[in-house]
Amino acid sequence: MKVRKCIVMRKIALIAIGIAAAVAGGYLMKSLLSTPDVSIRARQAPDIQLEQTRLTHTAKDGSKIWEITAEAVSVRENMRETLATGVIIEFFKDDRAMLKVQAKELRLKENGDMFIKGEVSAAGDDDLNFQSRGIHWDEERKLLWSDAAVKLERADMNLTGVGFEYSPETGTLKIKQKAYLKIIKK
């Protein structure tokens, strides 16, 4: 009886070891055969990358509102934004370019709003040139604006201030605060 009890115990021990080995082997095989989590890489990598690209935004009637020419464009759908580098943005009224903006980088949101990063220079069709940093485009109001310092130059004047709003539709530029105007006599 004692011998039989030993044999039964040995069989139970072997079965338990076999089950443990099978479970451990299953986990090992799963970890070796499973693909790595690509969701982290997917969040970082763009869905679409383009070079030497032109993006045009039009009104319902087909007239141009703005056009972006960029050296490189990365579309990230999961972040719902488009990043562009080496950019020129032209703002239009009645299909005529009113303002040409140059910058190193911009972020275009899904709703059409933009943030134009870094040093920005702009030239208008009326001999108006200005420089600022960190300019925003408000798609709903069709307005270019910034709270940063701005410097405007034209043949007959120089104007500096802090913050501005520019409407391509009316061609008007408003300094928000600390405006200083210098008239240049010829």
N, C-alpha and C. Protein backbone atom coordinates (compact mmCIF):
# COMPACT_ATOMS: atom_id res chain seq x y z
N MET A 1 0.81 -1.17 0.00
CA MET A 1 0.00 0.00 0.00
C MET A 1 0.87 1.25 0.00
N LYS A 2 1.96 1.20 0.77
CA LYS A 2 2.88 2.31 0.82
C LYS A 2 3.50 2.57 -0.53
N VAL A 3 3.84 1.49 -1.24
CA VAL A 3 4.45 1.62 -2.56
C VAL A 3 3.43 2.24 -3.52
N ARG A 4 2.21 1.78 -3.46
CA ARG A 4 1.16 2.31 -4.32
C ARG A 4 0.93 3.79 -4.06
N LYS A 5 0.95 4.21 -2.80
CA LYS A 5 0.77 5.60 -2.42
C LYS A 5 1.90 6.44 -3.00
N CYS A 6 3.12 5.93 -2.99
CA CYS A 6 4.29 6.62 -3.55
C CYS A 6 4.13 6.79 -5.05
N ILE A 7 3.65 5.76 -5.73
CA ILE A 7 3.49 5.82 -7.18
C ILE A 7 2.42 6.87 -7.53
N VAL A 8 1.32 6.87 -6.80
CA VAL A 8 0.25 7.85 -7.04
C VAL A 8 0.77 9.26 -6.81
N MET A 9 1.54 9.47 -5.73
CA MET A 9 2.10 10.79 -5.43
C MET A 9 3.07 11.21 -6.53
N ARG A 10 3.87 10.24 -7.01
CA ARG A 10 4.82 10.57 -8.07
C ARG A 10 4.07 10.97 -9.34
N LYS A 11 2.98 10.25 -9.69
CA LYS A 11 2.19 10.59 -10.86
C LYS A 11 1.57 11.98 -10.72
N ILE A 12 1.05 12.29 -9.55
CA ILE A 12 0.45 13.62 -9.31
C ILE A 12 1.52 14.70 -9.46
N ALA A 13 2.71 14.46 -8.91
CA ALA A 13 3.81 15.43 -9.01
C ALA A 13 4.22 15.62 -10.46
N LEU A 14 4.31 14.52 -11.23
CA LEU A 14 4.68 14.62 -12.64
C LEU A 14 3.61 15.36 -13.45
N ILE A 15 2.36 15.12 -13.13
CA ILE A 15 1.27 15.83 -13.82
C ILE A 15 1.34 17.33 -13.50
N ALA A 16 1.57 17.67 -12.23
CA ALA A 16 1.66 19.08 -11.83
C ALA A 16 2.85 19.75 -12.51
N ILE A 17 3.98 19.05 -12.57
CA ILE A 17 5.17 19.60 -13.25
C ILE A 17 4.88 19.76 -14.74
N GLY A 18 4.20 18.80 -15.34
CA GLY A 18 3.85 18.87 -16.76
C GLY A 18 2.92 20.05 -17.05
N ILE A 19 1.94 20.26 -16.18
CA ILE A 19 1.01 21.39 -16.37
C ILE A 19 1.77 22.70 -16.23
N ALA A 20 2.61 22.81 -15.21
CA ALA A 20 3.39 24.03 -15.00
C ALA A 20 4.31 24.28 -16.19
N ALA A 21 4.95 23.24 -16.71
CA ALA A 21 5.84 23.40 -17.86
C ALA A 21 5.04 23.82 -19.10
N ALA A 22 3.85 23.25 -19.27
CA ALA A 22 3.02 23.61 -20.43
C ALA A 22 2.59 25.08 -20.35
N VAL A 23 2.18 25.52 -19.17
CA VAL A 23 1.77 26.92 -18.99
C VAL A 23 2.95 27.84 -19.23
N ALA A 24 4.10 27.54 -18.65
CA ALA A 24 5.30 28.36 -18.83
C ALA A 24 5.72 28.36 -20.30
N GLY A 25 5.68 27.22 -20.93
CA GLY A 25 6.03 27.14 -22.35
C GLY A 25 5.06 27.94 -23.21
N GLY A 26 3.78 27.90 -22.86
CA GLY A 26 2.78 28.68 -23.60
C GLY A 26 3.06 30.18 -23.49
N TYR A 27 3.36 30.65 -22.28
CA TYR A 27 3.69 32.08 -22.10
C TYR A 27 4.96 32.44 -22.86
N LEU A 28 5.96 31.57 -22.84
CA LEU A 28 7.21 31.83 -23.55
C LEU A 28 6.95 31.90 -25.05
N MET A 29 6.19 30.96 -25.59
CA MET A 29 5.90 30.96 -27.02
C MET A 29 5.09 32.20 -27.41
N LYS A 30 4.14 32.58 -26.56
CA LYS A 30 3.32 33.76 -26.85
C LYS A 30 4.20 35.01 -26.90
N SER A 31 5.11 35.13 -25.95
CA SER A 31 5.97 36.32 -25.93
C SER A 31 6.94 36.33 -27.11
N LEU A 32 7.40 35.16 -27.55
CA LEU A 32 8.32 35.10 -28.68
C LEU A 32 7.61 35.32 -30.02
N LEU A 33 6.38 34.86 -30.14
CA LEU A 33 5.68 34.94 -31.41
C LEU A 33 4.80 36.17 -31.56
N SER A 34 4.50 36.86 -30.45
CA SER A 34 3.61 38.02 -30.57
C SER A 34 4.36 39.20 -31.17
N THR A 35 3.62 40.05 -31.89
CA THR A 35 4.21 41.24 -32.49
C THR A 35 4.34 42.32 -31.43
N PRO A 36 5.35 43.18 -31.55
CA PRO A 36 5.49 44.26 -30.58
C PRO A 36 4.34 45.25 -30.71
N ASP A 37 4.09 45.99 -29.63
CA ASP A 37 3.03 46.98 -29.62
C ASP A 37 3.41 48.14 -30.53
N VAL A 38 2.71 48.25 -31.66
CA VAL A 38 3.02 49.31 -32.62
C VAL A 38 2.20 50.57 -32.37
N SER A 39 1.33 50.55 -31.38
CA SER A 39 0.49 51.72 -31.15
C SER A 39 1.32 52.92 -30.72
N ILE A 40 2.43 52.70 -30.01
CA ILE A 40 3.29 53.82 -29.61
C ILE A 40 3.96 54.40 -30.84
N ARG A 41 4.50 53.56 -31.72
CA ARG A 41 5.13 54.05 -32.94
C ARG A 41 4.11 54.72 -33.86
N ALA A 42 2.89 54.20 -33.89
CA ALA A 42 1.86 54.76 -34.76
C ALA A 42 1.50 56.17 -34.34
N ARG A 43 1.54 56.44 -33.03
CA ARG A 43 1.22 57.79 -32.56
C ARG A 43 2.28 58.79 -32.97
N GLN A 44 3.52 58.33 -33.15
CA GLN A 44 4.61 59.23 -33.47
C GLN A 44 4.83 59.37 -34.97
N ALA A 45 4.60 58.35 -35.72
CA ALA A 45 4.88 58.38 -37.16
C ALA A 45 3.72 59.03 -37.91
N PRO A 46 4.03 59.84 -38.91
CA PRO A 46 2.95 60.45 -39.70
C PRO A 46 2.26 59.40 -40.56
N ASP A 47 0.99 59.65 -40.85
CA ASP A 47 0.24 58.76 -41.73
C ASP A 47 0.63 58.98 -43.18
N ILE A 48 0.91 60.25 -43.53
CA ILE A 48 1.29 60.61 -44.90
C ILE A 48 2.43 61.61 -44.82
N GLN A 49 3.45 61.45 -45.66
CA GLN A 49 4.53 62.41 -45.77
C GLN A 49 4.67 62.82 -47.22
N LEU A 50 4.77 64.14 -47.44
CA LEU A 50 4.87 64.68 -48.79
C LEU A 50 6.03 65.66 -48.85
N GLU A 51 6.62 65.82 -50.02
CA GLU A 51 7.67 66.81 -50.22
C GLU A 51 7.27 67.72 -51.37
N GLN A 52 7.75 68.98 -51.30
CA GLN A 52 7.46 69.98 -52.33
C GLN A 52 5.96 69.96 -52.67
N THR A 53 5.16 70.37 -51.69
CA THR A 53 3.72 70.21 -51.76
C THR A 53 3.00 71.56 -51.72
N ARG A 54 1.84 71.60 -52.33
CA ARG A 54 0.99 72.78 -52.29
C ARG A 54 -0.39 72.35 -51.78
N LEU A 55 -0.87 73.04 -50.73
CA LEU A 55 -2.19 72.80 -50.17
C LEU A 55 -3.03 74.06 -50.40
N THR A 56 -4.21 73.90 -50.97
CA THR A 56 -5.08 75.04 -51.25
C THR A 56 -6.39 74.86 -50.52
N HIS A 57 -6.82 75.93 -49.83
CA HIS A 57 -8.09 75.93 -49.11
C HIS A 57 -9.02 76.90 -49.83
N THR A 58 -10.19 76.41 -50.22
CA THR A 58 -11.12 77.25 -50.98
C THR A 58 -12.44 77.43 -50.23
N ALA A 59 -13.13 78.50 -50.58
CA ALA A 59 -14.47 78.75 -50.06
C ALA A 59 -15.46 77.86 -50.80
N LYS A 60 -16.70 77.87 -50.36
CA LYS A 60 -17.73 77.05 -51.01
C LYS A 60 -17.92 77.40 -52.47
N ASP A 61 -17.68 78.68 -52.82
CA ASP A 61 -17.84 79.10 -54.21
C ASP A 61 -16.63 78.77 -55.08
N GLY A 62 -15.59 78.16 -54.47
CA GLY A 62 -14.41 77.75 -55.22
C GLY A 62 -13.28 78.76 -55.20
N SER A 63 -13.50 79.94 -54.65
CA SER A 63 -12.44 80.95 -54.60
C SER A 63 -11.42 80.58 -53.52
N LYS A 64 -10.16 80.92 -53.77
CA LYS A 64 -9.09 80.59 -52.83
C LYS A 64 -9.20 81.46 -51.58
N ILE A 65 -8.98 80.82 -50.42
CA ILE A 65 -8.86 81.54 -49.15
C ILE A 65 -7.38 81.65 -48.80
N TRP A 66 -6.69 80.51 -48.84
CA TRP A 66 -5.24 80.49 -48.64
C TRP A 66 -4.64 79.33 -49.40
N GLU A 67 -3.31 79.46 -49.61
CA GLU A 67 -2.56 78.39 -50.28
C GLU A 67 -1.21 78.27 -49.59
N ILE A 68 -0.86 77.05 -49.22
CA ILE A 68 0.41 76.77 -48.55
C ILE A 68 1.31 76.03 -49.53
N THR A 69 2.52 76.54 -49.71
CA THR A 69 3.56 75.83 -50.45
C THR A 69 4.60 75.43 -49.42
N ALA A 70 4.96 74.15 -49.37
CA ALA A 70 5.86 73.66 -48.32
C ALA A 70 6.92 72.72 -48.87
N GLU A 71 8.08 72.76 -48.23
CA GLU A 71 9.14 71.81 -48.58
C GLU A 71 8.77 70.41 -48.15
N ALA A 72 8.16 70.28 -46.97
CA ALA A 72 7.75 68.97 -46.46
C ALA A 72 6.45 69.10 -45.68
N VAL A 73 5.58 68.08 -45.80
CA VAL A 73 4.31 68.04 -45.10
C VAL A 73 4.14 66.67 -44.48
N SER A 74 3.73 66.64 -43.21
CA SER A 74 3.42 65.39 -42.51
C SER A 74 1.99 65.48 -42.00
N VAL A 75 1.17 64.53 -42.42
CA VAL A 75 -0.22 64.48 -41.97
C VAL A 75 -0.31 63.44 -40.87
N ARG A 76 -0.82 63.85 -39.72
CA ARG A 76 -0.99 62.94 -38.58
C ARG A 76 -2.47 62.91 -38.23
N GLU A 77 -3.15 61.91 -38.77
CA GLU A 77 -4.59 61.84 -38.60
C GLU A 77 -5.00 61.60 -37.16
N ASN A 78 -4.23 60.81 -36.42
CA ASN A 78 -4.60 60.55 -35.03
C ASN A 78 -4.48 61.80 -34.17
N MET A 79 -3.65 62.75 -34.57
CA MET A 79 -3.52 64.02 -33.85
C MET A 79 -4.38 65.09 -34.51
N ARG A 80 -4.99 64.75 -35.64
CA ARG A 80 -5.87 65.64 -36.39
C ARG A 80 -5.19 66.96 -36.75
N GLU A 81 -3.95 66.84 -37.23
CA GLU A 81 -3.23 68.03 -37.65
C GLU A 81 -2.24 67.69 -38.76
N THR A 82 -1.83 68.74 -39.46
CA THR A 82 -0.84 68.64 -40.51
C THR A 82 0.31 69.55 -40.15
N LEU A 83 1.52 69.02 -40.23
CA LEU A 83 2.72 69.80 -39.95
C LEU A 83 3.40 70.08 -41.28
N ALA A 84 3.85 71.33 -41.47
CA ALA A 84 4.54 71.70 -42.70
C ALA A 84 5.79 72.48 -42.34
N THR A 85 6.87 72.26 -43.11
CA THR A 85 8.12 72.99 -42.89
C THR A 85 8.53 73.68 -44.19
N GLY A 86 9.30 74.77 -44.02
CA GLY A 86 9.73 75.55 -45.17
C GLY A 86 8.54 76.08 -45.93
N VAL A 87 7.71 76.89 -45.27
CA VAL A 87 6.40 77.25 -45.82
C VAL A 87 6.30 78.68 -46.34
N ILE A 88 5.48 78.82 -47.35
CA ILE A 88 5.01 80.11 -47.84
C ILE A 88 3.49 79.99 -47.86
N ILE A 89 2.81 80.90 -47.18
CA ILE A 89 1.35 80.90 -47.14
C ILE A 89 0.87 82.17 -47.81
N GLU A 90 0.01 82.02 -48.78
CA GLU A 90 -0.59 83.18 -49.44
C GLU A 90 -2.06 83.24 -49.06
N PHE A 91 -2.49 84.43 -48.62
CA PHE A 91 -3.89 84.67 -48.27
C PHE A 91 -4.53 85.47 -49.41
N PHE A 92 -5.76 85.08 -49.79
CA PHE A 92 -6.40 85.63 -50.98
C PHE A 92 -7.68 86.37 -50.66
N LYS A 93 -8.01 87.30 -51.57
CA LYS A 93 -9.33 87.94 -51.62
C LYS A 93 -9.70 88.00 -53.10
N ASP A 94 -10.84 87.46 -53.43
CA ASP A 94 -11.30 87.41 -54.84
C ASP A 94 -10.22 86.82 -55.75
N ASP A 95 -9.61 85.73 -55.30
CA ASP A 95 -8.56 85.01 -56.03
C ASP A 95 -7.31 85.85 -56.32
N ARG A 96 -7.13 86.92 -55.59
CA ARG A 96 -5.93 87.76 -55.71
C ARG A 96 -5.15 87.66 -54.41
N ALA A 97 -3.85 87.36 -54.50
CA ALA A 97 -3.01 87.24 -53.30
C ALA A 97 -2.92 88.60 -52.61
N MET A 98 -3.33 88.64 -51.34
CA MET A 98 -3.29 89.88 -50.55
C MET A 98 -2.06 89.93 -49.66
N LEU A 99 -1.61 88.76 -49.20
CA LEU A 99 -0.50 88.70 -48.26
C LEU A 99 0.26 87.40 -48.47
N LYS A 100 1.59 87.50 -48.46
CA LYS A 100 2.46 86.32 -48.60
C LYS A 100 3.28 86.21 -47.32
N VAL A 101 3.14 85.10 -46.61
CA VAL A 101 3.80 84.87 -45.32
C VAL A 101 4.83 83.77 -45.48
N GLN A 102 6.04 84.00 -44.95
CA GLN A 102 7.09 82.98 -44.97
C GLN A 102 7.46 82.59 -43.54
N ALA A 103 7.64 81.28 -43.32
CA ALA A 103 8.00 80.78 -42.00
C ALA A 103 8.68 79.42 -42.14
N LYS A 104 9.32 79.00 -41.06
CA LYS A 104 9.98 77.70 -41.07
C LYS A 104 9.00 76.55 -40.85
N GLU A 105 7.94 76.80 -40.05
CA GLU A 105 7.05 75.69 -39.71
C GLU A 105 5.65 76.19 -39.39
N LEU A 106 4.67 75.35 -39.70
CA LEU A 106 3.30 75.65 -39.28
C LEU A 106 2.58 74.36 -38.92
N ARG A 107 1.56 74.52 -38.09
CA ARG A 107 0.66 73.43 -37.72
C ARG A 107 -0.73 73.82 -38.20
N LEU A 108 -1.31 72.96 -39.00
CA LEU A 108 -2.65 73.18 -39.54
C LEU A 108 -3.60 72.20 -38.86
N LYS A 109 -4.60 72.74 -38.18
CA LYS A 109 -5.58 71.90 -37.48
C LYS A 109 -6.68 71.47 -38.44
N GLU A 110 -7.41 70.47 -38.03
CA GLU A 110 -8.50 69.91 -38.83
C GLU A 110 -9.57 70.94 -39.17
N ASN A 111 -9.80 71.91 -38.28
CA ASN A 111 -10.83 72.92 -38.52
C ASN A 111 -10.36 74.08 -39.39
N GLY A 112 -9.08 74.05 -39.84
CA GLY A 112 -8.55 75.10 -40.70
C GLY A 112 -7.72 76.14 -39.97
N ASP A 113 -7.75 76.13 -38.63
CA ASP A 113 -6.91 77.05 -37.86
C ASP A 113 -5.45 76.67 -38.05
N MET A 114 -4.56 77.68 -38.00
CA MET A 114 -3.12 77.45 -38.16
C MET A 114 -2.36 78.12 -37.04
N PHE A 115 -1.21 77.54 -36.73
CA PHE A 115 -0.22 78.21 -35.90
C PHE A 115 1.08 78.22 -36.69
N ILE A 116 1.55 79.42 -37.00
CA ILE A 116 2.76 79.59 -37.78
C ILE A 116 3.88 79.88 -36.79
N LYS A 117 4.81 78.94 -36.64
CA LYS A 117 5.82 78.99 -35.58
C LYS A 117 7.03 79.84 -35.93
N GLY A 118 7.68 80.36 -34.89
CA GLY A 118 8.96 81.03 -35.03
C GLY A 118 8.87 82.39 -35.69
N GLU A 119 10.01 82.81 -36.24
CA GLU A 119 10.09 84.09 -36.93
C GLU A 119 9.27 84.03 -38.21
N VAL A 120 8.44 85.04 -38.40
CA VAL A 120 7.55 85.08 -39.55
C VAL A 120 7.73 86.43 -40.25
N SER A 121 7.86 86.39 -41.57
CA SER A 121 7.90 87.64 -42.34
C SER A 121 6.76 87.59 -43.35
N ALA A 122 6.19 88.77 -43.60
CA ALA A 122 5.04 88.85 -44.50
C ALA A 122 5.17 90.06 -45.40
N ALA A 123 4.65 89.92 -46.61
CA ALA A 123 4.64 91.02 -47.58
C ALA A 123 3.24 91.10 -48.19
N GLY A 124 2.68 92.31 -48.15
CA GLY A 124 1.36 92.54 -48.72
C GLY A 124 1.43 93.10 -50.12
N ASP A 125 0.31 93.08 -50.80
CA ASP A 125 0.27 93.59 -52.17
C ASP A 125 0.32 95.12 -52.21
N ASP A 126 0.20 95.77 -51.05
CA ASP A 126 0.21 97.23 -50.99
C ASP A 126 1.54 97.76 -50.43
N ASP A 127 2.64 97.06 -50.70
CA ASP A 127 3.98 97.49 -50.27
C ASP A 127 4.15 97.44 -48.76
N LEU A 128 3.30 96.68 -48.07
CA LEU A 128 3.38 96.54 -46.63
C LEU A 128 4.16 95.28 -46.29
N ASN A 129 5.19 95.42 -45.45
CA ASN A 129 5.97 94.27 -44.98
C ASN A 129 5.93 94.28 -43.46
N PHE A 130 5.84 93.09 -42.87
CA PHE A 130 5.92 93.03 -41.41
C PHE A 130 6.56 91.74 -40.95
N GLN A 131 7.09 91.80 -39.72
CA GLN A 131 7.73 90.66 -39.08
C GLN A 131 7.12 90.48 -37.69
N SER A 132 7.01 89.23 -37.28
CA SER A 132 6.52 88.90 -35.95
C SER A 132 6.92 87.47 -35.62
N ARG A 133 6.45 86.97 -34.51
CA ARG A 133 6.69 85.58 -34.09
C ARG A 133 5.35 84.95 -33.71
N GLY A 134 5.25 83.66 -33.96
CA GLY A 134 4.08 82.91 -33.50
C GLY A 134 2.75 83.49 -33.93
N ILE A 135 2.47 83.41 -35.21
CA ILE A 135 1.23 83.97 -35.76
C ILE A 135 0.16 82.88 -35.87
N HIS A 136 -1.07 83.27 -35.60
CA HIS A 136 -2.21 82.35 -35.69
C HIS A 136 -3.11 82.75 -36.85
N TRP A 137 -3.75 81.75 -37.46
CA TRP A 137 -4.82 82.00 -38.44
C TRP A 137 -6.10 81.46 -37.83
N ASP A 138 -7.10 82.32 -37.69
CA ASP A 138 -8.41 81.94 -37.18
C ASP A 138 -9.32 81.71 -38.39
N GLU A 139 -9.60 80.47 -38.67
CA GLU A 139 -10.37 80.11 -39.87
C GLU A 139 -11.79 80.66 -39.82
N GLU A 140 -12.41 80.61 -38.68
CA GLU A 140 -13.80 81.06 -38.58
C GLU A 140 -13.91 82.57 -38.84
N ARG A 141 -13.00 83.35 -38.27
CA ARG A 141 -13.04 84.81 -38.43
C ARG A 141 -12.26 85.30 -39.65
N LYS A 142 -11.54 84.38 -40.31
CA LYS A 142 -10.68 84.73 -41.47
C LYS A 142 -9.72 85.85 -41.07
N LEU A 143 -8.97 85.60 -39.98
CA LEU A 143 -8.13 86.62 -39.38
C LEU A 143 -6.77 86.05 -39.01
N LEU A 144 -5.73 86.78 -39.35
CA LEU A 144 -4.36 86.46 -38.95
C LEU A 144 -4.07 87.31 -37.72
N TRP A 145 -3.53 86.71 -36.65
CA TRP A 145 -3.32 87.49 -35.43
C TRP A 145 -2.13 86.96 -34.64
N SER A 146 -1.63 87.81 -33.74
CA SER A 146 -0.56 87.44 -32.83
C SER A 146 -0.59 88.37 -31.62
N ASP A 147 -0.09 87.90 -30.50
CA ASP A 147 0.09 88.73 -29.32
C ASP A 147 1.56 89.12 -29.15
N ALA A 148 2.40 88.73 -30.08
CA ALA A 148 3.84 89.02 -30.01
C ALA A 148 4.14 90.40 -30.60
N ALA A 149 5.37 90.85 -30.40
CA ALA A 149 5.81 92.12 -30.98
C ALA A 149 5.74 92.04 -32.50
N VAL A 150 5.42 93.17 -33.12
CA VAL A 150 5.30 93.23 -34.57
C VAL A 150 5.97 94.50 -35.07
N LYS A 151 6.61 94.38 -36.23
CA LYS A 151 7.26 95.52 -36.88
C LYS A 151 6.77 95.58 -38.32
N LEU A 152 6.16 96.73 -38.67
CA LEU A 152 5.65 96.95 -40.03
C LEU A 152 6.50 98.00 -40.71
N GLU A 153 6.73 97.78 -41.98
CA GLU A 153 7.50 98.73 -42.77
C GLU A 153 6.80 98.96 -44.11
N ARG A 154 6.78 100.21 -44.48
CA ARG A 154 6.30 100.60 -45.80
C ARG A 154 7.19 101.75 -46.25
N ALA A 155 7.19 102.10 -47.50
CA ALA A 155 8.09 103.13 -48.01
C ALA A 155 7.95 104.45 -47.26
N ASP A 156 6.75 104.77 -46.79
CA ASP A 156 6.52 106.06 -46.14
C ASP A 156 6.40 106.01 -44.62
N MET A 157 6.55 104.82 -44.01
CA MET A 157 6.40 104.73 -42.55
C MET A 157 6.97 103.44 -41.99
N ASN A 158 7.24 103.47 -40.68
CA ASN A 158 7.57 102.30 -39.88
C ASN A 158 6.62 102.30 -38.69
N LEU A 159 6.12 101.13 -38.34
CA LEU A 159 5.18 101.01 -37.24
C LEU A 159 5.57 99.79 -36.41
N THR A 160 5.69 99.97 -35.10
CA THR A 160 5.97 98.86 -34.21
C THR A 160 4.87 98.80 -33.16
N GLY A 161 4.72 97.64 -32.56
CA GLY A 161 3.72 97.47 -31.51
C GLY A 161 3.74 96.06 -30.97
N VAL A 162 2.76 95.78 -30.14
CA VAL A 162 2.63 94.44 -29.55
C VAL A 162 1.27 93.90 -29.93
N GLY A 163 1.28 92.79 -30.61
CA GLY A 163 0.05 92.14 -31.05
C GLY A 163 -0.56 92.83 -32.26
N PHE A 164 -1.20 92.03 -33.10
CA PHE A 164 -1.87 92.58 -34.27
C PHE A 164 -2.98 91.66 -34.73
N GLU A 165 -3.84 92.22 -35.57
CA GLU A 165 -4.86 91.46 -36.30
C GLU A 165 -4.82 91.94 -37.74
N TYR A 166 -4.83 91.00 -38.67
CA TYR A 166 -4.82 91.34 -40.09
C TYR A 166 -5.93 90.57 -40.79
N SER A 167 -6.72 91.28 -41.57
CA SER A 167 -7.79 90.66 -42.34
C SER A 167 -7.45 90.72 -43.82
N PRO A 168 -7.22 89.57 -44.46
CA PRO A 168 -6.98 89.56 -45.90
C PRO A 168 -8.19 90.07 -46.69
N GLU A 169 -9.39 89.89 -46.15
CA GLU A 169 -10.60 90.33 -46.86
C GLU A 169 -10.67 91.84 -46.98
N THR A 170 -10.24 92.56 -45.93
CA THR A 170 -10.30 94.03 -45.98
C THR A 170 -8.94 94.66 -46.22
N GLY A 171 -7.86 93.88 -46.00
CA GLY A 171 -6.51 94.41 -46.16
C GLY A 171 -6.08 95.30 -45.02
N THR A 172 -6.82 95.29 -43.92
CA THR A 172 -6.48 96.15 -42.78
C THR A 172 -5.68 95.40 -41.73
N LEU A 173 -4.75 96.12 -41.13
CA LEU A 173 -3.92 95.57 -40.06
C LEU A 173 -4.07 96.48 -38.85
N LYS A 174 -4.42 95.91 -37.71
CA LYS A 174 -4.64 96.66 -36.48
C LYS A 174 -3.60 96.24 -35.44
N ILE A 175 -2.87 97.22 -34.90
CA ILE A 175 -1.94 96.97 -33.80
C ILE A 175 -2.76 96.97 -32.51
N LYS A 176 -2.56 95.96 -31.65
CA LYS A 176 -3.35 95.84 -30.43
C LYS A 176 -2.90 96.79 -29.33
N GLN A 177 -1.59 96.95 -29.14
CA GLN A 177 -1.13 97.82 -28.06
C GLN A 177 0.30 98.31 -28.31
N LYS A 178 0.67 99.37 -27.59
CA LYS A 178 2.01 99.97 -27.63
C LYS A 178 2.46 100.30 -29.05
N ALA A 179 1.56 100.88 -29.83
CA ALA A 179 1.89 101.25 -31.21
C ALA A 179 2.77 102.49 -31.24
N TYR A 180 3.78 102.44 -32.09
CA TYR A 180 4.67 103.59 -32.31
C TYR A 180 4.85 103.75 -33.80
N LEU A 181 4.47 104.92 -34.32
CA LEU A 181 4.50 105.20 -35.74
C LEU A 181 5.61 106.21 -36.04
N LYS A 182 6.40 105.90 -37.05
CA LYS A 182 7.44 106.83 -37.52
C LYS A 182 7.17 107.10 -38.99
N ILE A 183 6.84 108.37 -39.30
CA ILE A 183 6.58 108.79 -40.67
C ILE A 183 7.93 109.10 -41.34
N ILE A 184 8.11 108.58 -42.54
CA ILE A 184 9.34 108.81 -43.29
C ILE A 184 9.05 109.83 -44.39
N LYS A 185 9.67 111.01 -44.27
CA LYS A 185 9.47 112.08 -45.27
C LYS A 185 10.43 111.85 -46.42
N LYS A 186 9.95 112.15 -47.59
CA LYS A 186 10.81 112.00 -48.78
C LYS A 186 11.28 113.34 -49.27
